[in-house]
Each structure stands twice: as structure tokens, then as C-alpha cells.
Amino acid sequence: PLDDLVDEPLVIFVCSTTGNGAEPRNMMTLWKTLLRSDLP
């Protein structure tokens, strides 16, 4: 649940790269949310 990320004191991220620089499919929702321009 992405709304809870701001309350996490420590997060370890492990991710692969597919093809020539693409994100894995089960990472796309989080990635698109983090890219929002209105985030402080």
C-alpha cells in the first residue's frame, strides 16, 4: 500500500532490469506513483 511508504523508517528495495532498461511489471505501479510531479 503506497500510502504507507512515508511512515516506513527503513526500506530495502531489490529490483531487476528487463530488456534494455525497463522496470519489472510488478514494480510499475509504485514507480509511476513515485514519478508524480506534485510530490514534495
ModelCIF file with pLDDT and N, C-alpha, C, O atoms, coordinates in Angstrom:
data_MODEL
#
_entry.id   MODEL 
#
_entity.id                         1 
_entity.type                       polymer 
_entity.pdbx_number_of_molecules   1 
#
_entity_poly.entity_id                      1 
_entity_poly.type                           'polypeptide(L)' 
_entity_poly.nstd_linkage                   no 
_entity_poly.nstd_monomer                   no 
_entity_poly.pdbx_seq_one_letter_code       PLDDLVDEPLVIFVCSTTGNGAEPRNMMTLWKTLLRSDLP 
_entity_poly.pdbx_seq_one_letter_code_can   PLDDLVDEPLVIFVCSTTGNGAEPRNMMTLWKTLLRSDLP 
_entity_poly.pdbx_strand_id                 A 
#
loop_
_entity_poly_seq.entity_id 
_entity_poly_seq.num 
_entity_poly_seq.mon_id 
_entity_poly_seq.hetero 
1 1  PRO n 
1 2  LEU n 
1 3  ASP n 
1 4  ASP n 
1 5  LEU n 
1 6  VAL n 
1 7  ASP n 
1 8  GLU n 
1 9  PRO n 
1 10 LEU n 
1 11 VAL n 
1 12 ILE n 
1 13 PHE n 
1 14 VAL n 
1 15 CYS n 
1 16 SER n 
1 17 THR n 
1 18 THR n 
1 19 GLY n 
1 20 ASN n 
1 21 GLY n 
1 22 ALA n 
1 23 GLU n 
1 24 PRO n 
1 25 ARG n 
1 26 ASN n 
1 27 MET n 
1 28 MET n 
1 29 THR n 
1 30 LEU n 
1 31 TRP n 
1 32 LYS n 
1 33 THR n 
1 34 LEU n 
1 35 LEU n 
1 36 ARG n 
1 37 SER n 
1 38 ASP n 
1 39 LEU n 
1 40 PRO n 
#
_struct_asym.id          A 
_struct_asym.entity_id   1 
#
loop_
_ma_qa_metric.id 
_ma_qa_metric.mode 
_ma_qa_metric.name 
_ma_qa_metric.software_group_id 
_ma_qa_metric.type 
1 global pLDDT . pLDDT 
2 local  pLDDT . pLDDT 
#
_ma_qa_metric_global.metric_id      1 
_ma_qa_metric_global.metric_value   90.35 
_ma_qa_metric_global.model_id       1 
_ma_qa_metric_global.ordinal_id     1 
#
loop_
_ma_qa_metric_local.label_asym_id 
_ma_qa_metric_local.label_comp_id 
_ma_qa_metric_local.label_seq_id 
_ma_qa_metric_local.metric_id 
_ma_qa_metric_local.metric_value 
_ma_qa_metric_local.model_id 
_ma_qa_metric_local.ordinal_id 
A PRO 1  2 89.00 1 1  
A LEU 2  2 85.00 1 2  
A ASP 3  2 87.00 1 3  
A ASP 4  2 91.00 1 4  
A LEU 5  2 91.00 1 5  
A VAL 6  2 91.00 1 6  
A ASP 7  2 91.00 1 7  
A GLU 8  2 93.00 1 8  
A PRO 9  2 92.00 1 9  
A LEU 10 2 94.00 1 10 
A VAL 11 2 95.00 1 11 
A ILE 12 2 96.00 1 12 
A PHE 13 2 97.00 1 13 
A VAL 14 2 96.00 1 14 
A CYS 15 2 95.00 1 15 
A SER 16 2 93.00 1 16 
A THR 17 2 90.00 1 17 
A THR 18 2 85.00 1 18 
A GLY 19 2 78.00 1 19 
A ASN 20 2 79.00 1 20 
A GLY 21 2 83.00 1 21 
A ALA 22 2 86.00 1 22 
A GLU 23 2 88.00 1 23 
A PRO 24 2 90.00 1 24 
A ARG 25 2 89.00 1 25 
A ASN 26 2 90.00 1 26 
A MET 27 2 92.00 1 27 
A MET 28 2 91.00 1 28 
A THR 29 2 90.00 1 29 
A LEU 30 2 90.00 1 30 
A TRP 31 2 91.00 1 31 
A LYS 32 2 91.00 1 32 
A THR 33 2 91.00 1 33 
A LEU 34 2 92.00 1 34 
A LEU 35 2 92.00 1 35 
A ARG 36 2 92.00 1 36 
A SER 37 2 91.00 1 37 
A ASP 38 2 92.00 1 38 
A LEU 39 2 92.00 1 39 
A PRO 40 2 93.00 1 40 
#
loop_
_atom_site.group_PDB 
_atom_site.id 
_atom_site.type_symbol 
_atom_site.label_atom_id 
_atom_site.label_alt_id 
_atom_site.label_comp_id 
_atom_site.label_asym_id 
_atom_site.label_entity_id 
_atom_site.label_seq_id 
_atom_site.pdbx_PDB_ins_code 
_atom_site.Cartn_x 
_atom_site.Cartn_y 
_atom_site.Cartn_z 
_atom_site.occupancy 
_atom_site.B_iso_or_equiv 
_atom_site.pdbx_formal_charge 
_atom_site.auth_seq_id 
_atom_site.auth_comp_id 
_atom_site.auth_asym_id 
_atom_site.auth_atom_id 
_atom_site.pdbx_PDB_model_num 
ATOM 1   N N  . PRO A 1 1  ? 0.839  -1.208 0.000   1.00 89.00 ? 1  PRO A N  1 
ATOM 2   C CA . PRO A 1 1  ? 0.000  0.000  0.000   1.00 89.00 ? 1  PRO A CA 1 
ATOM 3   C C  . PRO A 1 1  ? 0.871  1.255  0.000   1.00 89.00 ? 1  PRO A C  1 
ATOM 4   O O  . PRO A 1 1  ? 1.496  1.572  1.012   1.00 89.00 ? 1  PRO A O  1 
ATOM 5   N N  . LEU A 1 2  ? 0.918  1.961  -1.108  1.00 85.00 ? 2  LEU A N  1 
ATOM 6   C CA . LEU A 1 2  ? 1.890  3.040  -1.304  1.00 85.00 ? 2  LEU A CA 1 
ATOM 7   C C  . LEU A 1 2  ? 1.698  4.198  -0.338  1.00 85.00 ? 2  LEU A C  1 
ATOM 8   O O  . LEU A 1 2  ? 2.654  4.911  -0.031  1.00 85.00 ? 2  LEU A O  1 
ATOM 9   N N  . ASP A 1 3  ? 0.489  4.393  0.140   1.00 87.00 ? 3  ASP A N  1 
ATOM 10  C CA . ASP A 1 3  ? 0.250  5.494  1.079   1.00 87.00 ? 3  ASP A CA 1 
ATOM 11  C C  . ASP A 1 3  ? 1.021  5.307  2.379   1.00 87.00 ? 3  ASP A C  1 
ATOM 12  O O  . ASP A 1 3  ? 1.250  6.271  3.110   1.00 87.00 ? 3  ASP A O  1 
ATOM 13  N N  . ASP A 1 4  ? 1.426  4.063  2.674   1.00 91.00 ? 4  ASP A N  1 
ATOM 14  C CA . ASP A 1 4  ? 2.134  3.789  3.931   1.00 91.00 ? 4  ASP A CA 1 
ATOM 15  C C  . ASP A 1 4  ? 3.638  4.017  3.825   1.00 91.00 ? 4  ASP A C  1 
ATOM 16  O O  . ASP A 1 4  ? 4.343  3.964  4.832   1.00 91.00 ? 4  ASP A O  1 
ATOM 17  N N  . LEU A 1 5  ? 4.137  4.271  2.612   1.00 91.00 ? 5  LEU A N  1 
ATOM 18  C CA . LEU A 1 5  ? 5.583  4.361  2.424   1.00 91.00 ? 5  LEU A CA 1 
ATOM 19  C C  . LEU A 1 5  ? 6.199  5.492  3.243   1.00 91.00 ? 5  LEU A C  1 
ATOM 20  O O  . LEU A 1 5  ? 7.326  5.360  3.719   1.00 91.00 ? 5  LEU A O  1 
ATOM 21  N N  . VAL A 1 6  ? 5.492  6.582  3.412   1.00 91.00 ? 6  VAL A N  1 
ATOM 22  C CA . VAL A 1 6  ? 6.041  7.730  4.145   1.00 91.00 ? 6  VAL A CA 1 
ATOM 23  C C  . VAL A 1 6  ? 6.236  7.409  5.626   1.00 91.00 ? 6  VAL A C  1 
ATOM 24  O O  . VAL A 1 6  ? 6.977  8.110  6.315   1.00 91.00 ? 6  VAL A O  1 
ATOM 25  N N  . ASP A 1 7  ? 5.581  6.361  6.121   1.00 91.00 ? 7  ASP A N  1 
ATOM 26  C CA . ASP A 1 7  ? 5.677  6.005  7.537   1.00 91.00 ? 7  ASP A CA 1 
ATOM 27  C C  . ASP A 1 7  ? 6.710  4.909  7.789   1.00 91.00 ? 7  ASP A C  1 
ATOM 28  O O  . ASP A 1 7  ? 6.893  4.487  8.931   1.00 91.00 ? 7  ASP A O  1 
ATOM 29  N N  . GLU A 1 8  ? 7.386  4.444  6.741   1.00 93.00 ? 8  GLU A N  1 
ATOM 30  C CA . GLU A 1 8  ? 8.375  3.375  6.902   1.00 93.00 ? 8  GLU A CA 1 
ATOM 31  C C  . GLU A 1 8  ? 9.730  3.973  7.290   1.00 93.00 ? 8  GLU A C  1 
ATOM 32  O O  . GLU A 1 8  ? 10.248 4.834  6.578   1.00 93.00 ? 8  GLU A O  1 
ATOM 33  N N  . PRO A 1 9  ? 10.309 3.529  8.408   1.00 92.00 ? 9  PRO A N  1 
ATOM 34  C CA . PRO A 1 9  ? 11.633 4.063  8.795   1.00 92.00 ? 9  PRO A CA 1 
ATOM 35  C C  . PRO A 1 9  ? 12.776 3.494  7.971   1.00 92.00 ? 9  PRO A C  1 
ATOM 36  O O  . PRO A 1 9  ? 13.806 4.149  7.809   1.00 92.00 ? 9  PRO A O  1 
ATOM 37  N N  . LEU A 1 10 ? 12.610 2.269  7.442   1.00 94.00 ? 10 LEU A N  1 
ATOM 38  C CA . LEU A 1 10 ? 13.686 1.632  6.683   1.00 94.00 ? 10 LEU A CA 1 
ATOM 39  C C  . LEU A 1 10 ? 13.089 0.681  5.647   1.00 94.00 ? 10 LEU A C  1 
ATOM 40  O O  . LEU A 1 10 ? 12.269 -0.176 5.975   1.00 94.00 ? 10 LEU A O  1 
ATOM 41  N N  . VAL A 1 11 ? 13.512 0.846  4.394   1.00 95.00 ? 11 VAL A N  1 
ATOM 42  C CA . VAL A 1 11 ? 13.021 0.009  3.300   1.00 95.00 ? 11 VAL A CA 1 
ATOM 43  C C  . VAL A 1 11 ? 14.214 -0.470 2.473   1.00 95.00 ? 11 VAL A C  1 
ATOM 44  O O  . VAL A 1 11 ? 15.080 0.321  2.098   1.00 95.00 ? 11 VAL A O  1 
ATOM 45  N N  . ILE A 1 12 ? 14.248 -1.766 2.196   1.00 96.00 ? 12 ILE A N  1 
ATOM 46  C CA . ILE A 1 12 ? 15.241 -2.345 1.306   1.00 96.00 ? 12 ILE A CA 1 
ATOM 47  C C  . ILE A 1 12 ? 14.548 -2.661 -0.013  1.00 96.00 ? 12 ILE A C  1 
ATOM 48  O O  . ILE A 1 12 ? 13.573 -3.411 -0.040  1.00 96.00 ? 12 ILE A O  1 
ATOM 49  N N  . PHE A 1 13 ? 15.048 -2.090 -1.108  1.00 97.00 ? 13 PHE A N  1 
ATOM 50  C CA . PHE A 1 13 ? 14.477 -2.321 -2.433  1.00 97.00 ? 13 PHE A CA 1 
ATOM 51  C C  . PHE A 1 13 ? 15.390 -3.254 -3.224  1.00 97.00 ? 13 PHE A C  1 
ATOM 52  O O  . PHE A 1 13 ? 16.603 -3.051 -3.281  1.00 97.00 ? 13 PHE A O  1 
ATOM 53  N N  . VAL A 1 14 ? 14.795 -4.276 -3.831  1.00 96.00 ? 14 VAL A N  1 
ATOM 54  C CA . VAL A 1 14 ? 15.525 -5.189 -4.708  1.00 96.00 ? 14 VAL A CA 1 
ATOM 55  C C  . VAL A 1 14 ? 14.771 -5.227 -6.027  1.00 96.00 ? 14 VAL A C  1 
ATOM 56  O O  . VAL A 1 14 ? 13.594 -5.586 -6.062  1.00 96.00 ? 14 VAL A O  1 
ATOM 57  N N  . CYS A 1 15 ? 15.443 -4.858 -7.114  1.00 95.00 ? 15 CYS A N  1 
ATOM 58  C CA . CYS A 1 15 ? 14.732 -4.846 -8.390  1.00 95.00 ? 15 CYS A CA 1 
ATOM 59  C C  . CYS A 1 15 ? 15.651 -5.247 -9.528  1.00 95.00 ? 15 CYS A C  1 
ATOM 60  O O  . CYS A 1 15 ? 16.850 -4.971 -9.512  1.00 95.00 ? 15 CYS A O  1 
ATOM 61  N N  . SER A 1 16 ? 15.073 -5.892 -10.498 1.00 93.00 ? 16 SER A N  1 
ATOM 62  C CA . SER A 1 16 ? 15.791 -6.284 -11.701 1.00 93.00 ? 16 SER A CA 1 
ATOM 63  C C  . SER A 1 16 ? 15.485 -5.295 -12.812 1.00 93.00 ? 16 SER A C  1 
ATOM 64  O O  . SER A 1 16 ? 14.559 -4.490 -12.710 1.00 93.00 ? 16 SER A O  1 
ATOM 65  N N  . THR A 1 17 ? 16.272 -5.369 -13.867 1.00 90.00 ? 17 THR A N  1 
ATOM 66  C CA . THR A 1 17 ? 16.024 -4.580 -15.072 1.00 90.00 ? 17 THR A CA 1 
ATOM 67  C C  . THR A 1 17 ? 15.738 -5.552 -16.206 1.00 90.00 ? 17 THR A C  1 
ATOM 68  O O  . THR A 1 17 ? 16.506 -6.487 -16.433 1.00 90.00 ? 17 THR A O  1 
ATOM 69  N N  . THR A 1 18 ? 14.646 -5.337 -16.913 1.00 85.00 ? 18 THR A N  1 
ATOM 70  C CA . THR A 1 18 ? 14.276 -6.228 -18.004 1.00 85.00 ? 18 THR A CA 1 
ATOM 71  C C  . THR A 1 18 ? 14.551 -5.550 -19.337 1.00 85.00 ? 18 THR A C  1 
ATOM 72  O O  . THR A 1 18 ? 14.350 -4.346 -19.494 1.00 85.00 ? 18 THR A O  1 
ATOM 73  N N  . GLY A 1 19 ? 15.012 -6.341 -20.284 1.00 78.00 ? 19 GLY A N  1 
ATOM 74  C CA . GLY A 1 19 ? 15.297 -5.772 -21.593 1.00 78.00 ? 19 GLY A CA 1 
ATOM 75  C C  . GLY A 1 19 ? 16.332 -4.674 -21.500 1.00 78.00 ? 19 GLY A C  1 
ATOM 76  O O  . GLY A 1 19 ? 17.304 -4.786 -20.752 1.00 78.00 ? 19 GLY A O  1 
ATOM 77  N N  . ASN A 1 20 ? 16.126 -3.620 -22.254 1.00 79.00 ? 20 ASN A N  1 
ATOM 78  C CA . ASN A 1 20 ? 17.089 -2.515 -22.290 1.00 79.00 ? 20 ASN A CA 1 
ATOM 79  C C  . ASN A 1 20 ? 16.621 -1.368 -21.404 1.00 79.00 ? 20 ASN A C  1 
ATOM 80  O O  . ASN A 1 20 ? 16.335 -0.272 -21.886 1.00 79.00 ? 20 ASN A O  1 
ATOM 81  N N  . GLY A 1 21 ? 16.545 -1.636 -20.090 1.00 83.00 ? 21 GLY A N  1 
ATOM 82  C CA . GLY A 1 21 ? 16.264 -0.564 -19.139 1.00 83.00 ? 21 GLY A CA 1 
ATOM 83  C C  . GLY A 1 21 ? 14.861 -0.501 -18.597 1.00 83.00 ? 21 GLY A C  1 
ATOM 84  O O  . GLY A 1 21 ? 14.517 0.470  -17.924 1.00 83.00 ? 21 GLY A O  1 
ATOM 85  N N  . ALA A 1 22 ? 14.020 -1.509 -18.863 1.00 86.00 ? 22 ALA A N  1 
ATOM 86  C CA . ALA A 1 22 ? 12.629 -1.468 -18.419 1.00 86.00 ? 22 ALA A CA 1 
ATOM 87  C C  . ALA A 1 22 ? 12.491 -1.983 -16.993 1.00 86.00 ? 22 ALA A C  1 
ATOM 88  O O  . ALA A 1 22 ? 13.304 -2.775 -16.517 1.00 86.00 ? 22 ALA A O  1 
ATOM 89  N N  . GLU A 1 23 ? 11.431 -1.509 -16.316 1.00 88.00 ? 23 GLU A N  1 
ATOM 90  C CA . GLU A 1 23 ? 11.140 -1.959 -14.963 1.00 88.00 ? 23 GLU A CA 1 
ATOM 91  C C  . GLU A 1 23 ? 10.329 -3.256 -15.022 1.00 88.00 ? 23 GLU A C  1 
ATOM 92  O O  . GLU A 1 23 ? 9.601  -3.478 -15.989 1.00 88.00 ? 23 GLU A O  1 
ATOM 93  N N  . PRO A 1 24 ? 10.444 -4.111 -14.010 1.00 90.00 ? 24 PRO A N  1 
ATOM 94  C CA . PRO A 1 24 ? 9.585  -5.298 -13.934 1.00 90.00 ? 24 PRO A CA 1 
ATOM 95  C C  . PRO A 1 24 ? 8.123  -4.895 -13.823 1.00 90.00 ? 24 PRO A C  1 
ATOM 96  O O  . PRO A 1 24 ? 7.807  -3.817 -13.320 1.00 90.00 ? 24 PRO A O  1 
ATOM 97  N N  . ARG A 1 25 ? 7.245  -5.749 -14.286 1.00 89.00 ? 25 ARG A N  1 
ATOM 98  C CA . ARG A 1 25 ? 5.819  -5.414 -14.282 1.00 89.00 ? 25 ARG A CA 1 
ATOM 99  C C  . ARG A 1 25 ? 5.279  -5.182 -12.878 1.00 89.00 ? 25 ARG A C  1 
ATOM 100 O O  . ARG A 1 25 ? 4.428  -4.314 -12.685 1.00 89.00 ? 25 ARG A O  1 
ATOM 101 N N  . ASN A 1 26 ? 5.762  -5.950 -11.880 1.00 90.00 ? 26 ASN A N  1 
ATOM 102 C CA . ASN A 1 26 ? 5.222  -5.767 -10.530 1.00 90.00 ? 26 ASN A CA 1 
ATOM 103 C C  . ASN A 1 26 ? 5.895  -4.626 -9.779  1.00 90.00 ? 26 ASN A C  1 
ATOM 104 O O  . ASN A 1 26 ? 5.793  -4.536 -8.556  1.00 90.00 ? 26 ASN A O  1 
ATOM 105 N N  . MET A 1 27 ? 6.582  -3.758 -10.513 1.00 92.00 ? 27 MET A N  1 
ATOM 106 C CA . MET A 1 27 ? 7.168  -2.543 -9.941  1.00 92.00 ? 27 MET A CA 1 
ATOM 107 C C  . MET A 1 27 ? 6.540  -1.291 -10.538 1.00 92.00 ? 27 MET A C  1 
ATOM 108 O O  . MET A 1 27 ? 6.746  -0.194 -10.020 1.00 92.00 ? 27 MET A O  1 
ATOM 109 N N  . MET A 1 28 ? 5.778  -1.437 -11.619 1.00 91.00 ? 28 MET A N  1 
ATOM 110 C CA . MET A 1 28 ? 5.348  -0.281 -12.403 1.00 91.00 ? 28 MET A CA 1 
ATOM 111 C C  . MET A 1 28 ? 4.422  0.651  -11.646 1.00 91.00 ? 28 MET A C  1 
ATOM 112 O O  . MET A 1 28 ? 4.539  1.870  -11.770 1.00 91.00 ? 28 MET A O  1 
ATOM 113 N N  . THR A 1 29 ? 3.501  0.101  -10.861 1.00 90.00 ? 29 THR A N  1 
ATOM 114 C CA . THR A 1 29 ? 2.565  0.964  -10.135 1.00 90.00 ? 29 THR A CA 1 
ATOM 115 C C  . THR A 1 29 ? 3.300  1.852  -9.147  1.00 90.00 ? 29 THR A C  1 
ATOM 116 O O  . THR A 1 29 ? 3.047  3.056  -9.091  1.00 90.00 ? 29 THR A O  1 
ATOM 117 N N  . LEU A 1 30 ? 4.208  1.277  -8.368  1.00 90.00 ? 30 LEU A N  1 
ATOM 118 C CA . LEU A 1 30 ? 4.989  2.072  -7.420  1.00 90.00 ? 30 LEU A CA 1 
ATOM 119 C C  . LEU A 1 30 ? 5.829  3.101  -8.150  1.00 90.00 ? 30 LEU A C  1 
ATOM 120 O O  . LEU A 1 30 ? 5.914  4.252  -7.722  1.00 90.00 ? 30 LEU A O  1 
ATOM 121 N N  . TRP A 1 31 ? 6.454  2.697  -9.255  1.00 91.00 ? 31 TRP A N  1 
ATOM 122 C CA . TRP A 1 31 ? 7.329  3.608  -9.977  1.00 91.00 ? 31 TRP A CA 1 
ATOM 123 C C  . TRP A 1 31 ? 6.555  4.800  -10.544 1.00 91.00 ? 31 TRP A C  1 
ATOM 124 O O  . TRP A 1 31 ? 7.014  5.938  -10.452 1.00 91.00 ? 31 TRP A O  1 
ATOM 125 N N  . LYS A 1 32 ? 5.395  4.542  -11.123 1.00 91.00 ? 32 LYS A N  1 
ATOM 126 C CA . LYS A 1 32 ? 4.586  5.634  -11.669 1.00 91.00 ? 32 LYS A CA 1 
ATOM 127 C C  . LYS A 1 32 ? 4.132  6.587  -10.568 1.00 91.00 ? 32 LYS A C  1 
ATOM 128 O O  . LYS A 1 32 ? 4.045  7.796  -10.784 1.00 91.00 ? 32 LYS A O  1 
ATOM 129 N N  . THR A 1 33 ? 3.844  6.040  -9.389  1.00 91.00 ? 33 THR A N  1 
ATOM 130 C CA . THR A 1 33 ? 3.431  6.892  -8.270  1.00 91.00 ? 33 THR A CA 1 
ATOM 131 C C  . THR A 1 33 ? 4.585  7.778  -7.809  1.00 91.00 ? 33 THR A C  1 
ATOM 132 O O  . THR A 1 33 ? 4.396  8.966  -7.543  1.00 91.00 ? 33 THR A O  1 
ATOM 133 N N  . LEU A 1 34 ? 5.783  7.194  -7.716  1.00 92.00 ? 34 LEU A N  1 
ATOM 134 C CA . LEU A 1 34 ? 6.943  7.971  -7.276  1.00 92.00 ? 34 LEU A CA 1 
ATOM 135 C C  . LEU A 1 34 ? 7.306  9.070  -8.273  1.00 92.00 ? 34 LEU A C  1 
ATOM 136 O O  . LEU A 1 34 ? 7.936  10.059 -7.900  1.00 92.00 ? 34 LEU A O  1 
ATOM 137 N N  . LEU A 1 35 ? 6.915  8.905  -9.532  1.00 92.00 ? 35 LEU A N  1 
ATOM 138 C CA . LEU A 1 35 ? 7.255  9.894  -10.563 1.00 92.00 ? 35 LEU A CA 1 
ATOM 139 C C  . LEU A 1 35 ? 6.298  11.081 -10.602 1.00 92.00 ? 35 LEU A C  1 
ATOM 140 O O  . LEU A 1 35 ? 6.504  12.015 -11.378 1.00 92.00 ? 35 LEU A O  1 
ATOM 141 N N  . ARG A 1 36 ? 5.278  11.055 -9.791  1.00 92.00 ? 36 ARG A N  1 
ATOM 142 C CA . ARG A 1 36 ? 4.325  12.169 -9.805  1.00 92.00 ? 36 ARG A CA 1 
ATOM 143 C C  . ARG A 1 36 ? 5.031  13.485 -9.519  1.00 92.00 ? 36 ARG A C  1 
ATOM 144 O O  . ARG A 1 36 ? 5.836  13.578 -8.592  1.00 92.00 ? 36 ARG A O  1 
ATOM 145 N N  . SER A 1 37 ? 4.727  14.500 -10.319 1.00 91.00 ? 37 SER A N  1 
ATOM 146 C CA . SER A 1 37 ? 5.419  15.784 -10.202 1.00 91.00 ? 37 SER A CA 1 
ATOM 147 C C  . SER A 1 37 ? 4.966  16.593 -8.991  1.00 91.00 ? 37 SER A C  1 
ATOM 148 O O  . SER A 1 37 ? 5.649  17.537 -8.595  1.00 91.00 ? 37 SER A O  1 
ATOM 149 N N  . ASP A 1 38 ? 3.832  16.243 -8.399  1.00 92.00 ? 38 ASP A N  1 
ATOM 150 C CA . ASP A 1 38 ? 3.333  17.024 -7.268  1.00 92.00 ? 38 ASP A CA 1 
ATOM 151 C C  . ASP A 1 38 ? 3.849  16.518 -5.922  1.00 92.00 ? 38 ASP A C  1 
ATOM 152 O O  . ASP A 1 38 ? 3.439  17.034 -4.882  1.00 92.00 ? 38 ASP A O  1 
ATOM 153 N N  . LEU A 1 39 ? 4.731  15.529 -5.916  1.00 92.00 ? 39 LEU A N  1 
ATOM 154 C CA . LEU A 1 39 ? 5.259  15.015 -4.655  1.00 92.00 ? 39 LEU A CA 1 
ATOM 155 C C  . LEU A 1 39 ? 6.295  15.987 -4.085  1.00 92.00 ? 39 LEU A C  1 
ATOM 156 O O  . LEU A 1 39 ? 7.166  16.445 -4.825  1.00 92.00 ? 39 LEU A O  1 
ATOM 157 N N  . PRO A 1 40 ? 6.225  16.313 -2.799  1.00 93.00 ? 40 PRO A N  1 
ATOM 158 C CA . PRO A 1 40 ? 7.194  17.234 -2.196  1.00 93.00 ? 40 PRO A CA 1 
ATOM 159 C C  . PRO A 1 40 ? 8.583  16.616 -2.100  1.00 93.00 ? 40 PRO A C  1 
ATOM 160 O O  . PRO A 1 40 ? 9.513  17.260 -1.616  1.00 93.00 ? 40 PRO A O  1 
#
